[in-house]
Amino acid sequence: MAGEESFDDTLVMTPAEIEAAVTDSDATHFGQLVVLGSGPGGYTAAFRAADLGLDVVLVERWPVLGGVCLNVGCIPSKALLHAAKVIDDAAAMADHGVTFGTPKIDGEKLRDWKNEVVGKLTGGLAMMAKQRKVRVVEGEAKFVSPHRLQLDNGDTIDFKNCIIAAGSEAMMLPGLPEDPRIVDSTGALELTPIPKKMLVVGGGIIGLEMACVYNALGTEVSVVELTDTLMPGTDPDLLRPFMKFIKPRYEAIMVSTKVTGMRATVPGIEVSFEGDKAPSVGVYDRVLVAVGRRANGGMLDANTAGVNVDQRGIIAVDKQMRTNVPHIFAIGDLAGGPMLAHKATHEAKVAAEVIAGEKSYFDARAIPSVAYTDPEIAWVGLTELEAKAEGIDYEKAKIPWAASGRAISLGRPEGFTKLLFDKKTNRVLGGAIVGPSAGDLISEICLAVEMGADASDIGLTIHPHPTLSETIAFASEAIEGTLTDLYMPKKR
């Protein structure tokens, strides 16, 4: 290959320089920029870089673009959650005089529809890559030097700059029997056959979202969580409406409980538990293991290129997404921080812009989190748990949705909207929403945190009536002492 000295310090290469580099290299492929992984972070980085005039090679180990999120994560799970919502909403209307009858579930047809949704999006990515002249190379890549990658088919790729966007993978518990009835989140999306009885191991967002899907499809669902609460790290008040909603629907919710073993039997997967209120043994038709994800930084031999990778597969980066090797960048799940697609896409644009010579930095004040459960739970910025731990002096306004005409008309008054304000400046520090469409509503609070908005900025913004978004304005008015939709007098 061309030696490292053939790659100068110029970030953007001219067509002549690209041609010279290709001529000098004996690699199968050459890219001014190579992006490893085509998930939301990877394809965003590749497309943004191409838009800025860079010659880009996008490497993906699977036959289709989109990564975990589009193929076996965010998108297919939301399609199934929509189906679950339709079933639940239809059933709820029976109390109000509209009865639809018991739904007939065709698991195979439902799965095909989910796959059709995924196919439209992945097909769109392939088209956009072609439009931008991004060269897509299929294969699993590993570093063999600071400027060369080798694919599992023997091909090599030389590059001037590289963005590592290889994501993460679901973790499994050690010592489990090899049995198709034990699945991770990818396997759970296949649906068929729909089990009569299912255990979800792990009370985090992924496990709870799939629990909602299977419950709506008629499965008896149990959830087991090692810590003393579901969604660990979430403010306790956010979980109360959710727990009230799911307790009568699920067979069991076991917190502070450890799974000590699993055994494959003819009737089902026999699971043993350890915990004060847990059964010693349970038998399930299917077990979903959703105990977290592990970053893929350690799968690429990045240390061969001099890149530092820790034991968790995380690659440390600066605010421009550079690793300790200046021409190699990392974004998304393996760059540390929350493993969220919307974080990865913003990091991707920063990395691409820096490589193109622009002054760009990742400096987000707030990254929203959403559990697309029923009810949805969304939060952004400072949480009450964090405020108390850090000794931050804050003021809280909490608006119950029982005061929202829109929530009542939807038959969903169990939620609430909560905003946290700086006591001295009245600036928005963070907030949370529980209820239908919380994930869509949280963006206004996120913008408020980013813009440094105070209570009057939101309260004086006219919100449409009747909407759920009004509750955000109500919370701000409560702090200002101008709220009339509830009796919450402000002490003066």
Protein backbone atom coordinates (compact mmCIF):
# COMPACT_ATOMS: atom_id res chain seq x y z
CA MET A 1 0.00 0.00 0.00
CA ALA A 2 0.97 3.61 -0.16
CA GLY A 3 2.91 4.60 2.95
CA GLU A 4 1.49 6.97 5.53
CA GLU A 5 3.62 9.73 4.07
CA SER A 6 1.46 9.74 0.93
CA PHE A 7 -1.46 11.07 3.00
CA ASP A 8 -0.82 14.75 3.66
CA ASP A 9 -2.51 17.00 6.22
CA THR A 10 -4.92 18.60 3.76
CA LEU A 11 -8.45 17.68 4.79
CA VAL A 12 -10.21 18.08 1.43
CA MET A 13 -8.45 16.57 -1.58
CA THR A 14 -8.69 17.87 -5.10
CA PRO A 15 -9.75 15.51 -7.92
CA ALA A 16 -6.11 15.35 -9.03
CA GLU A 17 -4.96 14.39 -5.53
CA ILE A 18 -7.63 11.69 -5.33
CA GLU A 19 -6.55 10.28 -8.69
CA ALA A 20 -2.90 10.29 -7.59
CA ALA A 21 -3.75 8.53 -4.33
CA VAL A 22 -5.70 5.85 -6.19
CA THR A 23 -2.83 5.37 -8.60
CA ASP A 24 -0.27 5.06 -5.79
CA SER A 25 -2.36 2.60 -3.76
CA ASP A 26 -2.56 -1.13 -4.39
CA ALA A 27 -5.82 -1.40 -2.41
CA THR A 28 -9.05 -2.72 -3.94
CA HIS A 29 -10.82 0.52 -3.04
CA PHE A 30 -9.76 4.03 -2.11
CA GLY A 31 -11.80 6.66 -0.34
CA GLN A 32 -11.05 10.22 0.66
CA LEU A 33 -13.39 9.31 3.51
CA VAL A 34 -14.42 5.82 4.58
CA VAL A 35 -17.42 5.42 6.90
CA LEU A 36 -17.74 2.13 8.78
CA GLY A 37 -21.39 1.28 9.38
CA SER A 38 -24.56 2.51 7.67
CA GLY A 39 -26.87 3.07 10.64
CA PRO A 40 -28.39 6.52 11.30
CA GLY A 41 -24.96 7.85 12.26
CA GLY A 42 -23.09 6.19 9.41
CA TYR A 43 -25.35 7.08 6.52
CA THR A 44 -25.79 10.63 7.84
CA ALA A 45 -22.01 11.04 7.98
CA ALA A 46 -21.55 9.63 4.49
CA PHE A 47 -24.32 11.75 2.95
CA ARG A 48 -23.26 14.96 4.68
CA ALA A 49 -19.64 14.44 3.63
CA ALA A 50 -20.70 13.77 0.04
CA ASP A 51 -22.81 16.93 0.06
CA LEU A 52 -19.67 18.81 1.11
CA GLY A 53 -17.77 17.47 -1.89
CA LEU A 54 -15.83 14.57 -0.37
CA ASP A 55 -15.25 11.25 -2.12
CA VAL A 56 -16.96 8.74 0.20
CA VAL A 57 -16.94 4.97 0.62
CA LEU A 58 -19.62 3.55 2.94
CA VAL A 59 -18.86 0.10 4.33
CA GLU A 60 -21.73 -2.06 5.64
CA ARG A 61 -21.42 -5.67 6.79
CA TRP A 62 -25.07 -6.49 6.02
CA PRO A 63 -26.69 -6.64 2.55
CA VAL A 64 -28.90 -3.57 3.22
CA LEU A 65 -28.23 -0.11 4.58
CA GLY A 66 -29.75 1.31 7.75
CA GLY A 67 -28.00 -0.56 10.55
CA VAL A 68 -29.76 -1.84 13.65
CA CYS A 69 -32.14 1.12 13.91
CA LEU A 70 -33.83 0.79 10.54
CA ASN A 71 -33.63 -2.98 10.15
CA VAL A 72 -34.07 -4.56 13.59
CA GLY A 73 -34.51 -1.69 16.04
CA CYS A 74 -36.21 1.70 16.14
CA ILE A 75 -38.32 1.47 12.98
CA PRO A 76 -39.71 -2.09 13.04
CA SER A 77 -40.42 -1.87 16.77
CA LYS A 78 -42.37 1.38 16.26
CA ALA A 79 -44.39 -0.23 13.48
CA LEU A 80 -45.39 -3.02 15.86
CA LEU A 81 -46.05 -0.52 18.65
CA HIS A 82 -48.44 1.29 16.31
CA ALA A 83 -50.29 -2.00 15.74
CA ALA A 84 -50.44 -2.51 19.51
CA LYS A 85 -51.83 1.01 19.98
CA VAL A 86 -54.59 0.42 17.43
CA ILE A 87 -55.61 -2.78 19.25
CA ASP A 88 -55.57 -1.11 22.68
CA ASP A 89 -57.38 2.03 21.48
CA ALA A 90 -60.09 -0.05 19.85
CA ALA A 91 -60.59 -2.09 23.02
CA ALA A 92 -60.75 1.07 25.16
CA MET A 93 -63.63 2.48 23.11
CA ALA A 94 -65.88 -0.35 24.29
CA ASP A 95 -66.36 1.59 27.53
CA HIS A 96 -67.62 4.56 25.50
CA GLY A 97 -70.16 2.83 23.30
CA VAL A 98 -68.04 1.68 20.34
CA THR A 99 -67.30 -2.05 20.27
CA PHE A 100 -65.10 -3.61 17.57
CA GLY A 101 -64.93 -7.16 18.85
CA THR A 102 -61.92 -9.36 19.50
CA PRO A 103 -59.12 -8.74 16.97
CA LYS A 104 -57.85 -11.63 14.87
CA ILE A 105 -54.05 -11.56 14.85
CA ASP A 106 -52.20 -12.89 11.80
CA GLY A 107 -48.62 -12.81 13.09
CA GLU A 108 -47.09 -13.65 9.71
CA LYS A 109 -49.00 -10.89 7.89
CA LEU A 110 -48.17 -8.40 10.63
CA ARG A 111 -44.49 -9.31 10.34
CA ASP A 112 -44.63 -8.89 6.55
CA TRP A 113 -46.13 -5.41 6.95
CA LYS A 114 -43.37 -4.51 9.42
CA ASN A 115 -40.78 -5.74 6.91
CA GLU A 116 -42.44 -3.69 4.17
CA VAL A 117 -42.07 -0.54 6.29
CA VAL A 118 -38.38 -1.34 6.79
CA GLY A 119 -37.89 -2.08 3.09
CA LYS A 120 -39.23 1.29 2.00
CA LEU A 121 -36.75 3.11 4.22
CA THR A 122 -33.70 0.98 3.43
CA GLY A 123 -34.51 1.22 -0.27
CA GLY A 124 -34.66 4.98 0.07
CA LEU A 125 -31.19 5.02 1.63
CA ALA A 126 -29.75 3.01 -1.24
CA MET A 127 -31.25 5.48 -3.70
CA MET A 128 -29.86 8.49 -1.83
CA ALA A 129 -26.41 6.90 -1.67
CA LYS A 130 -26.51 6.48 -5.46
CA GLN A 131 -27.72 10.04 -5.97
CA ARG A 132 -24.82 11.37 -3.90
CA LYS A 133 -22.30 9.06 -5.59
CA VAL A 134 -21.46 7.42 -2.27
CA ARG A 135 -19.86 4.06 -3.06
CA VAL A 136 -21.34 1.29 -0.92
CA VAL A 137 -19.09 -1.68 -0.16
CA GLU A 138 -20.49 -4.76 1.56
CA GLY A 139 -18.28 -6.61 4.01
CA GLU A 140 -17.01 -6.77 7.58
CA ALA A 141 -14.00 -4.49 7.91
CA LYS A 142 -11.06 -4.47 10.28
CA PHE A 143 -8.12 -2.09 10.52
CA VAL A 144 -4.74 -3.40 9.39
CA SER A 145 -2.95 -0.04 9.62
CA PRO A 146 -3.79 3.63 10.29
CA HIS A 147 -4.84 4.11 6.64
CA ARG A 148 -6.03 0.68 5.52
CA LEU A 149 -9.00 -1.59 6.17
CA GLN A 150 -9.37 -5.22 5.14
CA LEU A 151 -12.73 -6.81 4.43
CA ASP A 152 -13.69 -10.39 5.24
CA ASN A 153 -13.71 -11.15 1.50
CA GLY A 154 -10.03 -10.17 1.20
CA ASP A 155 -10.59 -6.75 -0.38
CA THR A 156 -8.70 -3.77 1.05
CA ILE A 157 -9.68 -0.12 1.35
CA ASP A 158 -7.19 2.72 1.70
CA PHE A 159 -8.49 5.98 3.12
CA LYS A 160 -7.39 9.46 4.04
CA ASN A 161 -9.97 9.88 6.82
CA CYS A 162 -12.27 7.40 8.53
CA ILE A 163 -15.45 7.68 10.60
CA ILE A 164 -16.18 4.65 12.78
CA ALA A 165 -19.96 4.25 13.11
CA ALA A 166 -20.20 0.52 13.81
CA GLY A 167 -22.85 0.81 16.53
CA SER A 168 -23.61 -1.76 19.20
CA GLU A 169 -25.07 -5.23 19.68
CA ALA A 170 -27.53 -6.72 22.14
CA MET A 171 -25.94 -8.39 25.15
CA MET A 172 -26.99 -11.87 26.23
CA LEU A 173 -26.74 -13.43 29.66
CA PRO A 174 -23.92 -15.97 29.96
CA GLY A 175 -24.61 -19.69 30.16
CA LEU A 176 -27.99 -19.71 28.41
CA PRO A 177 -29.07 -22.83 26.51
CA GLU A 178 -29.10 -22.59 22.73
CA ASP A 179 -32.81 -22.61 22.02
CA PRO A 180 -34.85 -20.61 19.46
CA ARG A 181 -37.36 -19.79 22.20
CA ILE A 182 -34.72 -17.58 23.87
CA VAL A 183 -34.37 -14.40 21.79
CA ASP A 184 -32.86 -10.94 21.85
CA SER A 185 -34.67 -7.83 20.62
CA THR A 186 -34.02 -8.80 16.97
CA GLY A 187 -35.60 -12.21 17.43
CA ALA A 188 -38.56 -10.71 19.27
CA LEU A 189 -39.45 -8.67 16.18
CA GLU A 190 -40.11 -11.83 14.15
CA LEU A 191 -43.40 -12.44 16.03
CA THR A 192 -44.23 -15.88 14.70
CA PRO A 193 -45.40 -17.85 16.45
CA ILE A 194 -46.95 -15.41 18.94
CA PRO A 195 -46.33 -17.03 22.35
CA LYS A 196 -49.01 -17.60 24.95
CA LYS A 197 -46.64 -16.80 27.79
CA MET A 198 -43.48 -14.70 27.63
CA LEU A 199 -40.82 -13.45 30.04
CA VAL A 200 -38.93 -10.22 29.40
CA VAL A 201 -35.56 -10.24 31.17
CA GLY A 202 -34.58 -6.60 31.69
CA GLY A 203 -36.85 -3.71 32.62
CA GLY A 204 -35.22 -1.11 30.38
CA ILE A 205 -36.82 0.72 27.48
CA ILE A 206 -36.22 -1.95 24.81
CA GLY A 207 -37.67 -4.77 26.87
CA LEU A 208 -40.68 -2.74 28.01
CA GLU A 209 -41.51 -1.61 24.48
CA MET A 210 -41.60 -5.21 23.26
CA ALA A 211 -43.63 -6.16 26.34
CA CYS A 212 -46.27 -3.63 25.24
CA VAL A 213 -46.37 -5.16 21.75
CA TYR A 214 -46.78 -8.74 22.91
CA ASN A 215 -49.32 -7.82 25.58
CA ALA A 216 -51.52 -6.17 22.95
CA LEU A 217 -51.18 -9.27 20.74
CA GLY A 218 -52.61 -11.40 23.53
CA THR A 219 -49.49 -12.79 25.20
CA GLU A 220 -49.31 -13.17 28.98
CA VAL A 221 -46.26 -11.02 29.74
CA SER A 222 -43.98 -11.07 32.78
CA VAL A 223 -41.06 -8.69 33.34
CA VAL A 224 -38.05 -9.30 35.59
CA GLU A 225 -35.55 -6.56 36.52
CA LEU A 226 -32.42 -6.87 38.67
CA THR A 227 -32.62 -3.36 40.13
CA ASP A 228 -35.41 -2.07 42.37
CA THR A 229 -37.24 -0.20 39.60
CA LEU A 230 -38.11 -0.39 35.92
CA MET A 231 -36.25 2.01 33.61
CA PRO A 232 -33.39 2.52 36.11
CA GLY A 233 -32.28 6.14 36.41
CA THR A 234 -35.68 7.56 35.47
CA ASP A 235 -37.45 9.91 37.88
CA PRO A 236 -39.81 7.74 39.98
CA ASP A 237 -42.88 9.92 39.33
CA LEU A 238 -42.59 9.22 35.58
CA LEU A 239 -43.04 5.52 36.22
CA ARG A 240 -46.13 5.74 38.42
CA PRO A 241 -48.72 6.27 35.63
CA PHE A 242 -46.94 3.62 33.56
CA MET A 243 -46.94 1.08 36.40
CA LYS A 244 -50.59 1.79 37.14
CA PHE A 245 -51.38 1.14 33.49
CA ILE A 246 -49.44 -2.13 33.06
CA LYS A 247 -49.92 -3.82 36.45
CA PRO A 248 -53.41 -5.15 35.73
CA ARG A 249 -52.34 -6.14 32.21
CA TYR A 250 -49.14 -8.09 32.90
CA GLU A 251 -48.95 -11.45 34.61
CA ALA A 252 -46.04 -10.35 36.84
CA ILE A 253 -43.61 -7.44 37.30
CA MET A 254 -40.64 -8.64 39.35
CA VAL A 255 -38.11 -6.01 40.46
CA SER A 256 -35.07 -6.60 42.69
CA THR A 257 -35.06 -10.07 41.17
CA LYS A 258 -32.21 -12.02 39.61
CA VAL A 259 -32.49 -14.69 36.92
CA THR A 260 -30.27 -17.49 38.20
CA GLY A 261 -30.69 -19.96 35.36
CA MET A 262 -32.63 -21.17 32.33
CA ARG A 263 -33.33 -24.70 31.18
CA ALA A 264 -34.91 -25.77 27.90
CA THR A 265 -37.76 -28.24 28.42
CA VAL A 266 -40.53 -29.56 26.18
CA PRO A 267 -43.27 -27.42 27.83
CA GLY A 268 -41.11 -24.28 27.62
CA ILE A 269 -38.09 -22.43 28.96
CA GLU A 270 -37.82 -23.09 32.68
CA VAL A 271 -36.43 -19.97 34.40
CA SER A 272 -35.25 -19.88 38.01
CA PHE A 273 -35.34 -16.65 40.03
CA GLU A 274 -33.80 -15.22 43.18
CA GLY A 275 -35.68 -12.45 44.98
CA ASP A 276 -37.91 -11.80 47.98
CA LYS A 277 -41.19 -11.64 46.06
CA ALA A 278 -40.25 -13.74 43.02
CA PRO A 279 -41.34 -17.31 42.31
CA SER A 280 -38.55 -19.86 42.48
CA VAL A 281 -39.32 -21.15 38.97
CA GLY A 282 -41.45 -20.13 35.99
CA VAL A 283 -42.04 -21.75 32.58
CA TYR A 284 -42.44 -19.60 29.46
CA ASP A 285 -43.08 -20.19 25.76
CA ARG A 286 -40.57 -17.46 24.92
CA VAL A 287 -37.93 -15.50 26.80
CA LEU A 288 -36.75 -12.10 25.57
CA VAL A 289 -33.35 -11.12 26.96
CA ALA A 290 -33.08 -7.31 26.92
CA VAL A 291 -30.33 -6.55 29.41
CA GLY A 292 -28.59 -3.81 27.44
CA ARG A 293 -26.29 -3.29 24.48
CA ARG A 294 -22.52 -3.44 24.06
CA ALA A 295 -20.55 -1.05 21.83
CA ASN A 296 -18.82 -2.62 18.82
CA GLY A 297 -15.60 -0.63 19.12
CA GLY A 298 -13.64 -3.74 20.05
CA MET A 299 -14.67 -5.69 16.94
CA LEU A 300 -12.73 -3.64 14.41
CA ASP A 301 -9.08 -4.13 15.48
CA ALA A 302 -8.98 -0.35 15.79
CA ASN A 303 -6.00 -0.68 18.14
CA THR A 304 -4.01 -1.76 15.08
CA ALA A 305 -4.55 1.75 13.74
CA GLY A 306 -3.53 3.20 17.13
CA VAL A 307 -7.09 4.02 18.23
CA ASN A 308 -7.76 3.66 21.96
CA VAL A 309 -10.71 1.36 22.73
CA ASP A 310 -11.75 0.62 26.31
CA GLN A 311 -12.95 -2.73 27.69
CA ARG A 312 -16.59 -1.82 27.02
CA GLY A 313 -15.92 -1.23 23.33
CA ILE A 314 -16.14 2.56 23.74
CA ILE A 315 -13.84 4.86 21.76
CA ALA A 316 -13.05 8.18 23.43
CA VAL A 317 -13.55 11.27 21.26
CA ASP A 318 -13.29 15.04 21.60
CA LYS A 319 -16.02 17.59 20.74
CA GLN A 320 -15.17 17.26 17.06
CA MET A 321 -15.61 13.48 17.30
CA ARG A 322 -11.87 12.84 16.76
CA THR A 323 -10.26 9.84 18.36
CA ASN A 324 -6.69 9.95 19.64
CA VAL A 325 -5.65 9.33 16.00
CA PRO A 326 -6.36 12.68 14.30
CA HIS A 327 -7.66 11.37 10.97
CA ILE A 328 -9.96 8.75 12.53
CA PHE A 329 -13.30 9.77 14.04
CA ALA A 330 -15.96 7.85 16.00
CA ILE A 331 -19.68 8.52 16.41
CA GLY A 332 -22.84 6.97 17.78
CA ASP A 333 -23.18 4.09 20.21
CA LEU A 334 -19.44 3.35 20.37
CA ALA A 335 -18.46 6.98 21.04
CA GLY A 336 -19.90 6.96 24.57
CA GLY A 337 -22.97 8.63 26.01
CA PRO A 338 -26.55 7.51 25.46
CA MET A 339 -27.04 4.94 22.70
CA LEU A 340 -29.60 6.92 20.73
CA ALA A 341 -30.00 7.30 16.97
CA HIS A 342 -30.74 11.03 17.17
CA LYS A 343 -27.50 11.60 19.07
CA ALA A 344 -25.56 9.67 16.42
CA THR A 345 -26.94 11.72 13.53
CA HIS A 346 -25.86 15.00 15.09
CA GLU A 347 -22.41 13.62 15.86
CA ALA A 348 -22.22 12.36 12.28
CA LYS A 349 -22.69 15.80 10.80
CA VAL A 350 -20.03 17.23 13.09
CA ALA A 351 -17.48 14.60 12.06
CA ALA A 352 -18.23 15.01 8.34
CA GLU A 353 -18.03 18.80 8.55
CA VAL A 354 -14.74 18.74 10.45
CA ILE A 355 -13.21 16.42 7.86
CA ALA A 356 -14.42 18.81 5.14
CA GLY A 357 -12.57 21.65 6.87
CA GLU A 358 -15.47 23.35 8.63
CA LYS A 359 -15.43 24.54 12.24
CA SER A 360 -18.00 22.25 13.80
CA TYR A 361 -18.45 20.89 17.33
CA PHE A 362 -20.84 18.58 19.15
CA ASP A 363 -22.09 20.74 21.99
CA ALA A 364 -25.63 19.58 22.78
CA ARG A 365 -27.08 20.95 26.00
CA ALA A 366 -29.75 18.27 26.07
CA ILE A 367 -30.40 14.91 24.42
CA PRO A 368 -34.01 13.70 24.72
CA SER A 369 -34.89 10.13 25.71
CA VAL A 370 -38.17 8.43 24.87
CA ALA A 371 -39.74 5.14 25.93
CA TYR A 372 -42.39 4.34 23.31
CA THR A 373 -44.34 2.30 25.80
CA ASP A 374 -48.00 2.78 26.63
CA PRO A 375 -48.16 5.40 28.02
CA GLU A 376 -45.10 6.96 26.40
CA ILE A 377 -42.46 8.44 28.71
CA ALA A 378 -40.12 11.19 27.51
CA TRP A 379 -37.60 13.38 29.27
CA VAL A 380 -34.82 15.82 28.44
CA GLY A 381 -32.24 17.91 30.24
CA LEU A 382 -31.95 17.90 34.01
CA THR A 383 -33.91 15.24 35.89
CA GLU A 384 -35.01 15.55 39.49
CA LEU A 385 -32.73 12.69 40.48
CA GLU A 386 -29.77 14.53 38.95
CA ALA A 387 -30.78 17.88 40.47
CA LYS A 388 -30.97 16.40 43.96
CA ALA A 389 -27.70 14.50 43.55
CA GLU A 390 -25.89 17.62 42.33
CA GLY A 391 -27.50 20.03 44.82
CA ILE A 392 -29.06 22.18 42.10
CA ASP A 393 -31.65 24.66 43.38
CA TYR A 394 -34.66 24.19 41.10
CA GLU A 395 -38.37 24.91 41.00
CA LYS A 396 -40.86 22.42 39.59
CA ALA A 397 -44.18 22.82 37.81
CA LYS A 398 -46.21 19.67 37.25
CA ILE A 399 -49.45 19.74 35.26
CA PRO A 400 -51.71 16.68 35.54
CA TRP A 401 -53.36 15.76 32.27
CA ALA A 402 -56.63 15.45 34.13
CA ALA A 403 -56.69 19.25 33.60
CA SER A 404 -56.22 18.90 29.83
CA GLY A 405 -59.37 18.93 27.73
CA ARG A 406 -57.51 17.16 24.95
CA ALA A 407 -56.24 14.36 27.22
CA ILE A 408 -59.72 13.83 28.67
CA SER A 409 -61.27 13.70 25.19
CA LEU A 410 -58.72 11.02 24.27
CA GLY A 411 -59.67 9.03 27.34
CA ARG A 412 -56.06 9.28 28.58
CA PRO A 413 -55.95 11.66 31.57
CA GLU A 414 -53.40 9.60 33.53
CA GLY A 415 -50.32 11.45 32.25
CA PHE A 416 -48.65 14.70 33.19
CA THR A 417 -46.16 17.33 32.04
CA LYS A 418 -43.31 18.42 34.30
CA LEU A 419 -40.84 21.28 33.87
CA LEU A 420 -37.83 22.13 36.02
CA PHE A 421 -36.69 25.76 36.25
CA ASP A 422 -33.67 27.52 37.68
CA LYS A 423 -34.94 29.22 40.84
CA LYS A 424 -32.94 32.41 40.22
CA THR A 425 -33.36 32.91 36.47
CA ASN A 426 -36.57 30.97 35.71
CA ARG A 427 -34.71 29.31 32.81
CA VAL A 428 -35.84 25.85 31.76
CA LEU A 429 -33.40 23.21 33.02
CA GLY A 430 -35.27 20.12 31.90
CA GLY A 431 -38.62 18.45 31.70
CA ALA A 432 -40.58 15.27 31.23
CA ILE A 433 -43.89 14.12 29.78
CA VAL A 434 -45.91 10.97 30.41
CA GLY A 435 -48.80 10.11 28.12
CA PRO A 436 -49.74 9.54 24.46
CA SER A 437 -47.40 11.28 21.99
CA ALA A 438 -44.93 12.24 24.74
CA GLY A 439 -42.09 11.52 22.31
CA ASP A 440 -43.46 14.06 19.85
CA LEU A 441 -44.17 16.67 22.52
CA ILE A 442 -40.75 16.56 24.23
CA SER A 443 -39.04 18.46 21.39
CA GLU A 444 -40.48 21.77 22.57
CA ILE A 445 -38.87 21.33 25.98
CA CYS A 446 -35.62 20.26 24.31
CA LEU A 447 -35.63 23.44 22.22
CA ALA A 448 -36.33 25.50 25.34
CA VAL A 449 -33.28 24.03 27.09
CA GLU A 450 -31.07 24.55 24.02
CA MET A 451 -32.21 28.15 23.56
CA GLY A 452 -31.93 29.03 27.25
CA ALA A 453 -35.64 29.92 27.32
CA ASP A 454 -37.28 31.02 30.55
CA ALA A 455 -40.83 30.46 31.80
CA SER A 456 -42.20 33.61 30.16
CA ASP A 457 -40.77 32.62 26.74
CA ILE A 458 -42.91 29.49 26.78
CA GLY A 459 -45.91 30.86 28.66
CA LEU A 460 -46.29 33.84 26.31
CA THR A 461 -46.05 31.60 23.24
CA ILE A 462 -49.61 30.96 22.11
CA HIS A 463 -50.26 27.22 22.00
CA PRO A 464 -53.23 25.81 20.03
CA HIS A 465 -56.28 24.67 21.98
CA PRO A 466 -57.24 21.98 22.70
CA THR A 467 -53.90 20.16 22.46
CA LEU A 468 -51.60 18.18 24.70
CA SER A 469 -48.87 20.73 23.96
CA GLU A 470 -50.82 23.29 26.00
CA THR A 471 -49.68 21.50 29.15
CA ILE A 472 -46.13 22.72 28.50
CA ALA A 473 -47.39 26.30 28.45
CA PHE A 474 -49.47 25.61 31.59
CA ALA A 475 -46.34 24.48 33.45
CA SER A 476 -44.58 27.70 32.51
CA GLU A 477 -47.58 29.79 33.51
CA ALA A 478 -47.62 28.01 36.87
CA ILE A 479 -44.09 29.25 37.53
CA GLU A 480 -45.01 32.76 36.34
CA GLY A 481 -48.17 32.81 38.49
CA THR A 482 -50.44 33.38 35.49
CA LEU A 483 -52.05 29.94 35.19
CA THR A 484 -55.87 29.99 35.11
CA ASP A 485 -56.64 26.43 33.94
CA LEU A 486 -55.73 25.07 37.37
CA TYR A 487 -55.79 26.59 40.83
CA MET A 488 -52.06 26.69 41.57
CA PRO A 489 -51.53 30.10 43.22
CA LYS A 490 -47.94 31.28 43.22
CA LYS A 491 -46.55 32.42 46.53
CA ARG A 492 -45.35 36.02 46.34
